[in-house]
Amino acid sequence: MNYFKRNFKSKIGVFFLIATLIFWMLPSNLIFGEGESSDIELLQQALVDANANLAEAQVAAESAALELEAAQAAAISANTALAAPKALADEANAKLAEAKATSDEANKALEDAEKDLADAQEALENAGEEDDIAALEQAVADAQAVRDEAKTEADKADSKLVDAQAAADVANTALAVTQAAADEANAALEDAKAKDEQAKAAVSEAEQAVADAQAALDAALAALDDEESGEEGEEGDGQSGDGNTNDEPEYTPSISSDKEDYHPGEEVTISGEGFVPGEDIQIIFYAISAENPDGVIEHTDIIDNVGEDGTFEYKYNIVGAEKYRVKQGQ
């Protein structure tokens, strides 16, 4: 991702001084036909378009990477947030289970006490003259007291059960809400991962398209260079008998930049001097990074405004890489 970072200065400096000098000493339309020139221009435009597509893919990939980073942070936060409500829900459910067990036990004791009271009352009602009525009445009174105490305990247990159920409902609802948020965050994370992979694949395809376009342009320029060399050889064979050649001026081309350091997106001004007046010059900006030490073509163009004094000026707004080098293409 260092290739896309905008938080450092783009280093240019001396890399602008690396240039391959003149590739034609005469205007292009005098060296090769208009059809060949048009083909070169089409290939150059194809390379420009491929680099533009690559830049768009890289921007999209950077955006996808940032979205993935944000989704990962959100998922971690959402999953971490589950711990507290889950602990509360577990505790509330444990208390609910305990309250239910106590309520069941109290109601069973009440049921037994009511049965014992019923048996004592029945014994008293069926007592004969020979039975100890006082003892039976005391048994009924004792059973009634036990039943009343069991009823009080059962009521308390049932009340605690209601409270425990309410607390468990609240805790489980909070857990369900938090769980839903975590599920949503995890789903968003998976979606972000898929988008990141797609963006990376798009960058790879765009890089291959740039490489193919560059190879096609290099091959076409090399073919024209070979043709030029052949024509120069024929001109040499046609020299005058005294062995003198046509007197032609010597040129010492050089290029320079207006500054040494630039910010991403800043305009760079390239100045050239010592070139053949009227000649066409291809200029190529290579973005250099740790991942691509040889550089990846970011921008290329044809300079067709070399003045009569052999100078030109070219402006370009860089995207922003660690370093740049500028090369004059053949």
C-alpha atoms as a PDB file:
ATOM      1  CA  MET A   1       0.000   0.000   0.000  1.00  0.00           C
ATOM      2  CA  ASN A   2       3.026   2.320   0.189  1.00  0.00           C
ATOM      3  CA  TYR A   3       2.561   3.050  -3.476  1.00  0.00           C
ATOM      4  CA  PHE A   4      -0.743   4.788  -2.710  1.00  0.00           C
ATOM      5  CA  LYS A   5       0.178   6.621   0.494  1.00  0.00           C
ATOM      6  CA  ARG A   6      -0.246  10.390   0.447  1.00  0.00           C
ATOM      7  CA  ASN A   7       1.365  11.117   3.800  1.00  0.00           C
ATOM      8  CA  PHE A   8       4.903  11.646   2.522  1.00  0.00           C
ATOM      9  CA  LYS A   9       6.565  13.884   0.045  1.00  0.00           C
ATOM     10  CA  SER A  10       7.193  12.706  -3.480  1.00  0.00           C
ATOM     11  CA  LYS A  11      10.891  12.610  -4.143  1.00  0.00           C
ATOM     12  CA  ILE A  12      11.933  13.715  -7.594  1.00  0.00           C
ATOM     13  CA  GLY A  13      15.203  15.658  -7.641  1.00  0.00           C
ATOM     14  CA  VAL A  14      18.044  14.181  -9.564  1.00  0.00           C
ATOM     15  CA  PHE A  15      15.906  11.451 -11.135  1.00  0.00           C
ATOM     16  CA  PHE A  16      14.668  14.058 -13.607  1.00  0.00           C
ATOM     17  CA  LEU A  17      18.231  14.270 -14.922  1.00  0.00           C
ATOM     18  CA  ILE A  18      18.171  10.632 -16.078  1.00  0.00           C
ATOM     19  CA  ALA A  19      17.122  10.865 -19.702  1.00  0.00           C
ATOM     20  CA  THR A  20      17.754   9.099 -22.953  1.00  0.00           C
ATOM     21  CA  LEU A  21      18.463  11.884 -25.400  1.00  0.00           C
ATOM     22  CA  ILE A  22      17.298  12.611 -28.940  1.00  0.00           C
ATOM     23  CA  PHE A  23      15.587   9.813 -30.843  1.00  0.00           C
ATOM     24  CA  TRP A  24      15.069  11.730 -34.072  1.00  0.00           C
ATOM     25  CA  MET A  25      17.247  14.502 -35.437  1.00  0.00           C
ATOM     26  CA  LEU A  26      14.601  15.551 -37.895  1.00  0.00           C
ATOM     27  CA  PRO A  27      10.833  16.050 -37.643  1.00  0.00           C
ATOM     28  CA  SER A  28       9.042  12.716 -37.536  1.00  0.00           C
ATOM     29  CA  ASN A  29       7.000  13.348 -40.646  1.00  0.00           C
ATOM     30  CA  LEU A  30      10.204  13.674 -42.709  1.00  0.00           C
ATOM     31  CA  ILE A  31      11.668  10.400 -41.455  1.00  0.00           C
ATOM     32  CA  PHE A  32       8.706   8.077 -41.740  1.00  0.00           C
ATOM     33  CA  GLY A  33       5.349   8.170 -43.403  1.00  0.00           C
ATOM     34  CA  GLU A  34       2.223   9.671 -41.927  1.00  0.00           C
ATOM     35  CA  GLY A  35       0.677   6.198 -41.562  1.00  0.00           C
ATOM     36  CA  GLU A  36       3.565   5.023 -39.352  1.00  0.00           C
ATOM     37  CA  SER A  37       3.344   8.212 -37.303  1.00  0.00           C
ATOM     38  CA  SER A  38      -0.354   7.660 -36.765  1.00  0.00           C
ATOM     39  CA  ASP A  39       0.316   4.102 -35.622  1.00  0.00           C
ATOM     40  CA  ILE A  40       2.853   5.337 -33.084  1.00  0.00           C
ATOM     41  CA  GLU A  41       0.435   7.968 -31.845  1.00  0.00           C
ATOM     42  CA  LEU A  42      -2.261   5.326 -31.437  1.00  0.00           C
ATOM     43  CA  LEU A  43       0.115   3.133 -29.428  1.00  0.00           C
ATOM     44  CA  GLN A  44       1.167   6.100 -27.330  1.00  0.00           C
ATOM     45  CA  GLN A  45      -2.471   6.955 -26.655  1.00  0.00           C
ATOM     46  CA  ALA A  46      -3.146   3.329 -25.774  1.00  0.00           C
ATOM     47  CA  LEU A  47      -0.312   3.491 -23.245  1.00  0.00           C
ATOM     48  CA  VAL A  48      -1.676   6.746 -21.796  1.00  0.00           C
ATOM     49  CA  ASP A  49      -5.136   5.173 -21.504  1.00  0.00           C
ATOM     50  CA  ALA A  50      -3.701   2.035 -19.888  1.00  0.00           C
ATOM     51  CA  ASN A  51      -1.837   4.137 -17.319  1.00  0.00           C
ATOM     52  CA  ALA A  52      -4.984   6.144 -16.624  1.00  0.00           C
ATOM     53  CA  ASN A  53      -6.913   2.904 -16.064  1.00  0.00           C
ATOM     54  CA  LEU A  54      -4.133   1.675 -13.787  1.00  0.00           C
ATOM     55  CA  ALA A  55      -4.270   4.891 -11.756  1.00  0.00           C
ATOM     56  CA  GLU A  56      -8.037   4.491 -11.358  1.00  0.00           C
ATOM     57  CA  ALA A  57      -7.618   0.847 -10.321  1.00  0.00           C
ATOM     58  CA  GLN A  58      -4.966   1.812  -7.788  1.00  0.00           C
ATOM     59  CA  VAL A  59      -7.208   4.491  -6.296  1.00  0.00           C
ATOM     60  CA  ALA A  60     -10.057   1.979  -6.094  1.00  0.00           C
ATOM     61  CA  ALA A  61      -7.730  -0.569  -4.484  1.00  0.00           C
ATOM     62  CA  GLU A  62      -6.595   1.975  -1.910  1.00  0.00           C
ATOM     63  CA  SER A  63     -10.217   2.790  -1.124  1.00  0.00           C
ATOM     64  CA  ALA A  64     -11.064  -0.912  -0.797  1.00  0.00           C
ATOM     65  CA  ALA A  65      -8.079  -1.445   1.500  1.00  0.00           C
ATOM     66  CA  LEU A  66      -9.189   1.427   3.718  1.00  0.00           C
ATOM     67  CA  GLU A  67     -12.733   0.032   3.818  1.00  0.00           C
ATOM     68  CA  LEU A  68     -11.339  -3.375   4.775  1.00  0.00           C
ATOM     69  CA  GLU A  69      -9.259  -1.826   7.555  1.00  0.00           C
ATOM     70  CA  ALA A  70     -12.321   0.008   8.875  1.00  0.00           C
ATOM     71  CA  ALA A  71     -14.470  -3.147   8.651  1.00  0.00           C
ATOM     72  CA  GLN A  72     -11.852  -5.155  10.548  1.00  0.00           C
ATOM     73  CA  ALA A  73     -11.758  -2.550  13.317  1.00  0.00           C
ATOM     74  CA  ALA A  74     -15.567  -2.466  13.480  1.00  0.00           C
ATOM     75  CA  ALA A  75     -15.795  -6.274  13.652  1.00  0.00           C
ATOM     76  CA  ILE A  76     -13.210  -6.438  16.427  1.00  0.00           C
ATOM     77  CA  SER A  77     -15.063  -3.756  18.388  1.00  0.00           C
ATOM     78  CA  ALA A  78     -18.458  -5.440  17.884  1.00  0.00           C
ATOM     79  CA  ASN A  79     -17.183  -8.882  18.879  1.00  0.00           C
ATOM     80  CA  THR A  80     -15.400  -7.451  21.913  1.00  0.00           C
ATOM     81  CA  ALA A  81     -18.619  -5.700  22.956  1.00  0.00           C
ATOM     82  CA  LEU A  82     -20.320  -9.105  23.211  1.00  0.00           C
ATOM     83  CA  ALA A  83     -18.356 -10.094  26.312  1.00  0.00           C
ATOM     84  CA  ALA A  84     -20.118  -7.878  28.866  1.00  0.00           C
ATOM     85  CA  PRO A  85     -23.772  -8.537  27.853  1.00  0.00           C
ATOM     86  CA  LYS A  86     -23.025 -12.249  27.483  1.00  0.00           C
ATOM     87  CA  ALA A  87     -21.640 -12.387  31.026  1.00  0.00           C
ATOM     88  CA  LEU A  88     -24.691 -10.515  32.342  1.00  0.00           C
ATOM     89  CA  ALA A  89     -27.058 -12.789  30.430  1.00  0.00           C
ATOM     90  CA  ASP A  90     -25.288 -15.913  31.724  1.00  0.00           C
ATOM     91  CA  GLU A  91     -25.512 -14.625  35.304  1.00  0.00           C
ATOM     92  CA  ALA A  92     -29.185 -13.670  34.924  1.00  0.00           C
ATOM     93  CA  ASN A  93     -30.065 -17.037  33.414  1.00  0.00           C
ATOM     94  CA  ALA A  94     -28.221 -18.837  36.220  1.00  0.00           C
ATOM     95  CA  LYS A  95     -30.202 -16.853  38.828  1.00  0.00           C
ATOM     96  CA  LEU A  96     -33.399 -17.611  36.933  1.00  0.00           C
ATOM     97  CA  ALA A  97     -32.650 -21.334  37.026  1.00  0.00           C
ATOM     98  CA  GLU A  98     -31.931 -21.119  40.755  1.00  0.00           C
ATOM     99  CA  ALA A  99     -35.129 -19.142  41.403  1.00  0.00           C
ATOM    100  CA  LYS A 100     -37.157 -21.668  39.441  1.00  0.00           C
ATOM    101  CA  ALA A 101     -35.700 -24.553  41.434  1.00  0.00           C
ATOM    102  CA  THR A 102     -36.486 -22.751  44.716  1.00  0.00           C
ATOM    103  CA  SER A 103     -40.021 -21.998  43.542  1.00  0.00           C
ATOM    104  CA  ASP A 104     -40.611 -25.602  42.526  1.00  0.00           C
ATOM    105  CA  GLU A 105     -39.343 -26.811  45.895  1.00  0.00           C
ATOM    106  CA  ALA A 106     -41.486 -24.304  47.852  1.00  0.00           C
ATOM    107  CA  ASN A 107     -44.618 -25.141  45.895  1.00  0.00           C
ATOM    108  CA  LYS A 108     -43.985 -28.867  46.418  1.00  0.00           C
ATOM    109  CA  ALA A 109     -43.690 -28.231  50.170  1.00  0.00           C
ATOM    110  CA  LEU A 110     -46.948 -26.254  50.057  1.00  0.00           C
ATOM    111  CA  GLU A 111     -48.630 -29.071  48.204  1.00  0.00           C
ATOM    112  CA  ASP A 112     -47.470 -31.585  50.863  1.00  0.00           C
ATOM    113  CA  ALA A 113     -48.587 -29.278  53.707  1.00  0.00           C
ATOM    114  CA  GLU A 114     -52.033 -28.855  52.170  1.00  0.00           C
ATOM    115  CA  LYS A 115     -52.343 -32.631  51.861  1.00  0.00           C
ATOM    116  CA  ASP A 116     -51.339 -33.118  55.512  1.00  0.00           C
ATOM    117  CA  LEU A 117     -53.903 -30.469  56.564  1.00  0.00           C
ATOM    118  CA  ALA A 118     -56.611 -32.165  54.546  1.00  0.00           C
ATOM    119  CA  ASP A 119     -55.774 -35.526  56.157  1.00  0.00           C
ATOM    120  CA  ALA A 120     -55.896 -33.986  59.682  1.00  0.00           C
ATOM    121  CA  GLN A 121     -59.227 -32.299  59.008  1.00  0.00           C
ATOM    122  CA  GLU A 122     -60.663 -35.547  57.618  1.00  0.00           C
ATOM    123  CA  ALA A 123     -59.473 -37.470  60.703  1.00  0.00           C
ATOM    124  CA  LEU A 124     -61.149 -34.949  62.973  1.00  0.00           C
ATOM    125  CA  GLU A 125     -64.388 -35.052  61.011  1.00  0.00           C
ATOM    126  CA  ASN A 126     -64.502 -38.877  61.170  1.00  0.00           C
ATOM    127  CA  ALA A 127     -63.520 -39.169  64.839  1.00  0.00           C
ATOM    128  CA  GLY A 128     -65.650 -41.348  67.120  1.00  0.00           C
ATOM    129  CA  GLU A 129     -66.372 -41.238  70.841  1.00  0.00           C
ATOM    130  CA  GLU A 130     -63.357 -43.389  71.539  1.00  0.00           C
ATOM    131  CA  ASP A 131     -60.941 -40.993  69.675  1.00  0.00           C
ATOM    132  CA  ASP A 132     -58.979 -38.220  71.394  1.00  0.00           C
ATOM    133  CA  ILE A 133     -60.750 -35.207  69.955  1.00  0.00           C
ATOM    134  CA  ALA A 134     -58.372 -32.734  71.554  1.00  0.00           C
ATOM    135  CA  ALA A 135     -55.358 -34.442  69.990  1.00  0.00           C
ATOM    136  CA  LEU A 136     -57.019 -34.432  66.571  1.00  0.00           C
ATOM    137  CA  GLU A 137     -57.900 -30.761  66.893  1.00  0.00           C
ATOM    138  CA  GLN A 138     -54.293 -29.997  67.826  1.00  0.00           C
ATOM    139  CA  ALA A 139     -53.110 -31.988  64.786  1.00  0.00           C
ATOM    140  CA  VAL A 140     -55.362 -29.878  62.559  1.00  0.00           C
ATOM    141  CA  ALA A 141     -54.016 -26.692  64.118  1.00  0.00           C
ATOM    142  CA  ASP A 142     -50.414 -27.819  63.666  1.00  0.00           C
ATOM    143  CA  ALA A 143     -51.065 -28.820  60.031  1.00  0.00           C
ATOM    144  CA  GLN A 144     -52.733 -25.458  59.407  1.00  0.00           C
ATOM    145  CA  ALA A 145     -49.650 -23.637  60.762  1.00  0.00           C
ATOM    146  CA  VAL A 146     -47.296 -25.677  58.592  1.00  0.00           C
ATOM    147  CA  ARG A 147     -49.494 -25.063  55.558  1.00  0.00           C
ATOM    148  CA  ASP A 148     -49.591 -21.301  56.217  1.00  0.00           C
ATOM    149  CA  GLU A 149     -45.796 -21.139  56.544  1.00  0.00           C
ATOM    150  CA  ALA A 150     -45.366 -23.199  53.347  1.00  0.00           C
ATOM    151  CA  LYS A 151     -47.744 -20.821  51.556  1.00  0.00           C
ATOM    152  CA  THR A 152     -45.705 -17.821  52.673  1.00  0.00           C
ATOM    153  CA  GLU A 153     -42.455 -19.413  51.460  1.00  0.00           C
ATOM    154  CA  ALA A 154     -44.027 -20.425  48.129  1.00  0.00           C
ATOM    155  CA  ASP A 155     -45.310 -16.892  47.572  1.00  0.00           C
ATOM    156  CA  LYS A 156     -41.833 -15.480  48.261  1.00  0.00           C
ATOM    157  CA  ALA A 157     -40.230 -17.993  45.904  1.00  0.00           C
ATOM    158  CA  ASP A 158     -42.761 -17.230  43.164  1.00  0.00           C
ATOM    159  CA  SER A 159     -42.130 -13.487  43.545  1.00  0.00           C
ATOM    160  CA  LYS A 160     -38.364 -14.001  43.256  1.00  0.00           C
ATOM    161  CA  LEU A 161     -38.954 -16.178  40.196  1.00  0.00           C
ATOM    162  CA  VAL A 162     -40.928 -13.372  38.517  1.00  0.00           C
ATOM    163  CA  ASP A 163     -38.137 -10.885  39.249  1.00  0.00           C
ATOM    164  CA  ALA A 164     -35.461 -13.301  38.001  1.00  0.00           C
ATOM    165  CA  GLN A 165     -37.452 -13.921  34.815  1.00  0.00           C
ATOM    166  CA  ALA A 166     -37.726 -10.174  34.154  1.00  0.00           C
ATOM    167  CA  ALA A 167     -33.986  -9.651  34.730  1.00  0.00           C
ATOM    168  CA  ALA A 168     -33.138 -12.556  32.438  1.00  0.00           C
ATOM    169  CA  ASP A 169     -35.434 -11.178  29.736  1.00  0.00           C
ATOM    170  CA  VAL A 170     -33.672  -7.797  29.879  1.00  0.00           C
ATOM    171  CA  ALA A 171     -30.201  -9.361  29.815  1.00  0.00           C
ATOM    172  CA  ASN A 172     -31.065 -11.735  26.969  1.00  0.00           C
ATOM    173  CA  THR A 173     -32.577  -8.889  24.928  1.00  0.00           C
ATOM    174  CA  ALA A 174     -29.417  -6.791  25.376  1.00  0.00           C
ATOM    175  CA  LEU A 175     -27.317  -9.769  24.352  1.00  0.00           C
ATOM    176  CA  ALA A 176     -29.474 -10.365  21.264  1.00  0.00           C
ATOM    177  CA  VAL A 177     -29.081  -6.719  20.182  1.00  0.00           C
ATOM    178  CA  THR A 178     -25.311  -6.835  20.654  1.00  0.00           C
ATOM    179  CA  GLN A 179     -25.103 -10.189  18.873  1.00  0.00           C
ATOM    180  CA  ALA A 180     -27.050  -8.778  15.909  1.00  0.00           C
ATOM    181  CA  ALA A 181     -24.602  -5.841  15.697  1.00  0.00           C
ATOM    182  CA  ALA A 182     -21.649  -8.241  15.772  1.00  0.00           C
ATOM    183  CA  ASP A 183     -23.211 -10.432  13.082  1.00  0.00           C
ATOM    184  CA  GLU A 184     -23.735  -7.360  10.895  1.00  0.00           C
ATOM    185  CA  ALA A 185     -20.142  -6.215  11.441  1.00  0.00           C
ATOM    186  CA  ASN A 186     -18.785  -9.672  10.599  1.00  0.00           C
ATOM    187  CA  ALA A 187     -20.884  -9.797   7.420  1.00  0.00           C
ATOM    188  CA  ALA A 188     -19.592  -6.341   6.431  1.00  0.00           C
ATOM    189  CA  LEU A 189     -16.053  -7.575   7.030  1.00  0.00           C
ATOM    190  CA  GLU A 190     -16.522 -10.524   4.691  1.00  0.00           C
ATOM    191  CA  ASP A 191     -17.960  -8.184   2.042  1.00  0.00           C
ATOM    192  CA  ALA A 192     -14.988  -5.804   2.457  1.00  0.00           C
ATOM    193  CA  LYS A 193     -12.562  -8.716   2.078  1.00  0.00           C
ATOM    194  CA  ALA A 194     -14.225  -9.730  -1.193  1.00  0.00           C
ATOM    195  CA  LYS A 195     -14.085  -6.151  -2.518  1.00  0.00           C
ATOM    196  CA  ASP A 196     -10.428  -5.851  -1.539  1.00  0.00           C
ATOM    197  CA  GLU A 197      -9.563  -9.033  -3.448  1.00  0.00           C
ATOM    198  CA  GLN A 198     -11.476  -7.798  -6.502  1.00  0.00           C
ATOM    199  CA  ALA A 199      -9.688  -4.441  -6.379  1.00  0.00           C
ATOM    200  CA  LYS A 200      -6.291  -6.137  -6.146  1.00  0.00           C
ATOM    201  CA  ALA A 201      -7.156  -8.324  -9.137  1.00  0.00           C
ATOM    202  CA  ALA A 202      -8.199  -5.224 -11.090  1.00  0.00           C
ATOM    203  CA  VAL A 203      -4.844  -3.579 -10.326  1.00  0.00           C
ATOM    204  CA  SER A 204      -2.997  -6.683 -11.528  1.00  0.00           C
ATOM    205  CA  GLU A 205      -4.983  -6.685 -14.763  1.00  0.00           C
ATOM    206  CA  ALA A 206      -4.343  -2.960 -15.268  1.00  0.00           C
ATOM    207  CA  GLU A 207      -0.611  -3.424 -14.636  1.00  0.00           C
ATOM    208  CA  GLN A 208      -0.523  -6.182 -17.239  1.00  0.00           C
ATOM    209  CA  ALA A 209      -2.370  -3.932 -19.694  1.00  0.00           C
ATOM    210  CA  VAL A 210       0.231  -1.193 -19.137  1.00  0.00           C
ATOM    211  CA  ALA A 211       3.056  -3.688 -19.653  1.00  0.00           C
ATOM    212  CA  ASP A 212       1.465  -4.940 -22.878  1.00  0.00           C
ATOM    213  CA  ALA A 213       0.910  -1.396 -24.156  1.00  0.00           C
ATOM    214  CA  GLN A 214       4.485  -0.423 -23.305  1.00  0.00           C
ATOM    215  CA  ALA A 215       5.851  -3.519 -25.036  1.00  0.00           C
ATOM    216  CA  ALA A 216       3.831  -2.780 -28.165  1.00  0.00           C
ATOM    217  CA  LEU A 217       5.027   0.826 -28.219  1.00  0.00           C
ATOM    218  CA  ASP A 218       8.651  -0.159 -27.591  1.00  0.00           C
ATOM    219  CA  ALA A 219       8.496  -2.694 -30.411  1.00  0.00           C
ATOM    220  CA  ALA A 220       7.042  -0.141 -32.824  1.00  0.00           C
ATOM    221  CA  LEU A 221       9.608   2.505 -31.869  1.00  0.00           C
ATOM    222  CA  ALA A 222      12.427  -0.025 -32.173  1.00  0.00           C
ATOM    223  CA  ALA A 223      11.237  -0.924 -35.690  1.00  0.00           C
ATOM    224  CA  LEU A 224      11.226   2.747 -36.655  1.00  0.00           C
ATOM    225  CA  ASP A 225      14.670   3.197 -35.151  1.00  0.00           C
ATOM    226  CA  ASP A 226      15.965   0.317 -37.275  1.00  0.00           C
ATOM    227  CA  GLU A 227      14.377   1.899 -40.332  1.00  0.00           C
ATOM    228  CA  GLU A 228      15.990   5.232 -39.502  1.00  0.00           C
ATOM    229  CA  SER A 229      19.393   3.574 -39.153  1.00  0.00           C
ATOM    230  CA  GLY A 230      18.973   2.011 -42.572  1.00  0.00           C
ATOM    231  CA  GLU A 231      18.083   5.309 -44.156  1.00  0.00           C
ATOM    232  CA  GLU A 232      21.079   7.016 -42.578  1.00  0.00           C
ATOM    233  CA  GLY A 233      23.303   4.283 -44.018  1.00  0.00           C
ATOM    234  CA  GLU A 234      21.935   4.939 -47.489  1.00  0.00           C
ATOM    235  CA  GLU A 235      22.592   8.649 -47.080  1.00  0.00           C
ATOM    236  CA  GLY A 236      26.201   7.870 -46.097  1.00  0.00           C
ATOM    237  CA  ASP A 237      26.701   5.879 -49.301  1.00  0.00           C
ATOM    238  CA  GLY A 238      25.595   8.892 -51.305  1.00  0.00           C
ATOM    239  CA  GLN A 239      28.271  11.309 -50.055  1.00  0.00           C
ATOM    240  CA  SER A 240      30.170  13.465 -52.578  1.00  0.00           C
ATOM    241  CA  GLY A 241      33.399  12.188 -54.088  1.00  0.00           C
ATOM    242  CA  ASP A 242      35.604  14.421 -51.952  1.00  0.00           C
ATOM    243  CA  GLY A 243      34.409  12.540 -48.843  1.00  0.00           C
ATOM    244  CA  ASN A 244      32.904  15.592 -47.191  1.00  0.00           C
ATOM    245  CA  THR A 245      29.580  15.196 -45.375  1.00  0.00           C
ATOM    246  CA  ASN A 246      26.865  17.767 -44.907  1.00  0.00           C
ATOM    247  CA  ASP A 247      27.719  20.185 -42.166  1.00  0.00           C
ATOM    248  CA  GLU A 248      25.115  19.784 -39.409  1.00  0.00           C
ATOM    249  CA  PRO A 249      25.044  21.470 -36.002  1.00  0.00           C
ATOM    250  CA  GLU A 250      25.785  19.418 -32.909  1.00  0.00           C
ATOM    251  CA  TYR A 251      23.169  19.266 -30.145  1.00  0.00           C
ATOM    252  CA  THR A 252      23.653  18.518 -26.450  1.00  0.00           C
ATOM    253  CA  PRO A 253      20.161  17.980 -25.030  1.00  0.00           C
ATOM    254  CA  SER A 254      19.495  18.211 -21.280  1.00  0.00           C
ATOM    255  CA  ILE A 255      16.420  18.425 -19.079  1.00  0.00           C
ATOM    256  CA  SER A 256      15.786  19.715 -15.545  1.00  0.00           C
ATOM    257  CA  SER A 257      12.920  20.227 -13.091  1.00  0.00           C
ATOM    258  CA  ASP A 258      11.855  23.452 -11.400  1.00  0.00           C
ATOM    259  CA  LYS A 259      12.161  21.950  -7.869  1.00  0.00           C
ATOM    260  CA  GLU A 260      13.718  18.995  -6.075  1.00  0.00           C
ATOM    261  CA  ASP A 261      10.778  17.973  -3.853  1.00  0.00           C
ATOM    262  CA  TYR A 262       7.079  17.847  -4.666  1.00  0.00           C
ATOM    263  CA  HIS A 263       3.833  17.068  -2.877  1.00  0.00           C
ATOM    264  CA  PRO A 264       1.362  14.530  -4.351  1.00  0.00           C
ATOM    265  CA  GLY A 265      -0.763  16.204  -7.013  1.00  0.00           C
ATOM    266  CA  GLU A 266       1.636  19.139  -7.368  1.00  0.00           C
ATOM    267  CA  GLU A 267       2.496  20.454 -10.831  1.00  0.00           C
ATOM    268  CA  VAL A 268       6.001  19.607 -12.074  1.00  0.00           C
ATOM    269  CA  THR A 269       7.660  21.789 -14.692  1.00  0.00           C
ATOM    270  CA  ILE A 270      10.236  20.078 -16.926  1.00  0.00           C
ATOM    271  CA  SER A 271      12.523  22.321 -18.941  1.00  0.00           C
ATOM    272  CA  GLY A 272      14.640  21.122 -21.855  1.00  0.00           C
ATOM    273  CA  GLU A 273      17.422  22.727 -23.885  1.00  0.00           C
ATOM    274  CA  GLY A 274      19.868  21.740 -26.585  1.00  0.00           C
ATOM    275  CA  PHE A 275      17.266  19.811 -28.613  1.00  0.00           C
ATOM    276  CA  VAL A 276      16.741  19.845 -32.356  1.00  0.00           C
ATOM    277  CA  PRO A 277      14.236  22.601 -33.188  1.00  0.00           C
ATOM    278  CA  GLY A 278      10.872  21.224 -34.266  1.00  0.00           C
ATOM    279  CA  GLU A 279      11.597  17.598 -33.346  1.00  0.00           C
ATOM    280  CA  ASP A 280       9.069  15.390 -31.508  1.00  0.00           C
ATOM    281  CA  ILE A 281      10.145  14.042 -28.112  1.00  0.00           C
ATOM    282  CA  GLN A 282       8.420  11.358 -26.069  1.00  0.00           C
ATOM    283  CA  ILE A 283       8.653  11.935 -22.314  1.00  0.00           C
ATOM    284  CA  ILE A 284       7.859   9.175 -19.793  1.00  0.00           C
ATOM    285  CA  PHE A 285       7.318   9.525 -16.023  1.00  0.00           C
ATOM    286  CA  TYR A 286       8.241   6.393 -14.055  1.00  0.00           C
ATOM    287  CA  ALA A 287       6.862   6.082 -10.494  1.00  0.00           C
ATOM    288  CA  ILE A 288       9.385   4.229  -8.324  1.00  0.00           C
ATOM    289  CA  SER A 289       8.507   2.432  -5.085  1.00  0.00           C
ATOM    290  CA  ALA A 290       9.862  -0.345  -2.887  1.00  0.00           C
ATOM    291  CA  GLU A 291       7.555  -2.792  -4.663  1.00  0.00           C
ATOM    292  CA  ASN A 292       8.594  -1.535  -8.116  1.00  0.00           C
ATOM    293  CA  PRO A 293      12.252  -0.399  -7.945  1.00  0.00           C
ATOM    294  CA  ASP A 294      12.459  -0.256 -11.753  1.00  0.00           C
ATOM    295  CA  GLY A 295       9.439   2.001 -11.864  1.00  0.00           C
ATOM    296  CA  VAL A 296       5.943   1.763 -13.291  1.00  0.00           C
ATOM    297  CA  ILE A 297       4.875   4.120 -16.048  1.00  0.00           C
ATOM    298  CA  GLU A 298       2.533   6.719 -14.574  1.00  0.00           C
ATOM    299  CA  HIS A 299       2.369   9.116 -17.505  1.00  0.00           C
ATOM    300  CA  THR A 300       3.711   9.500 -21.036  1.00  0.00           C
ATOM    301  CA  ASP A 301       3.257  12.187 -23.663  1.00  0.00           C
ATOM    302  CA  ILE A 302       4.714  13.609 -26.894  1.00  0.00           C
ATOM    303  CA  ILE A 303       6.398  17.012 -26.750  1.00  0.00           C
ATOM    304  CA  ASP A 304       6.004  18.723 -30.118  1.00  0.00           C
ATOM    305  CA  ASN A 305       6.762  22.304 -29.153  1.00  0.00           C
ATOM    306  CA  VAL A 306      10.581  22.393 -29.228  1.00  0.00           C
ATOM    307  CA  GLY A 307      11.412  25.990 -30.136  1.00  0.00           C
ATOM    308  CA  GLU A 308      13.847  27.361 -32.657  1.00  0.00           C
ATOM    309  CA  ASP A 309      16.348  27.808 -29.829  1.00  0.00           C
ATOM    310  CA  GLY A 310      16.109  24.092 -28.980  1.00  0.00           C
ATOM    311  CA  THR A 311      14.184  24.586 -25.715  1.00  0.00           C
ATOM    312  CA  PHE A 312      10.813  23.417 -24.420  1.00  0.00           C
ATOM    313  CA  GLU A 313       8.763  23.456 -21.230  1.00  0.00           C
ATOM    314  CA  TYR A 314       6.390  20.681 -20.109  1.00  0.00           C
ATOM    315  CA  LYS A 315       4.036  20.619 -17.107  1.00  0.00           C
ATOM    316  CA  TYR A 316       2.441  17.598 -15.404  1.00  0.00           C
ATOM    317  CA  ASN A 317       0.587  17.065 -12.102  1.00  0.00           C
ATOM    318  CA  ILE A 318       2.118  13.988 -10.487  1.00  0.00           C
ATOM    319  CA  VAL A 319      -0.056  11.414  -8.712  1.00  0.00           C
ATOM    320  CA  GLY A 320       2.471  10.927  -5.929  1.00  0.00           C
ATOM    321  CA  ALA A 321       5.041   8.153  -5.545  1.00  0.00           C
ATOM    322  CA  GLU A 322       8.136   7.699  -3.380  1.00  0.00           C
ATOM    323  CA  LYS A 323      10.444   8.718  -6.214  1.00  0.00           C
ATOM    324  CA  TYR A 324      10.293   9.457  -9.903  1.00  0.00           C
ATOM    325  CA  ARG A 325      12.558   9.261 -12.885  1.00  0.00           C
ATOM    326  CA  VAL A 326      11.915  10.812 -16.258  1.00  0.00           C
ATOM    327  CA  LYS A 327      12.986   9.161 -19.491  1.00  0.00           C
ATOM    328  CA  GLN A 328      12.855  10.278 -23.074  1.00  0.00           C
ATOM    329  CA  GLY A 329      11.432   7.376 -25.021  1.00  0.00           C
ATOM    330  CA  GLN A 330      12.635   6.112 -28.363  1.00  0.00           C
END
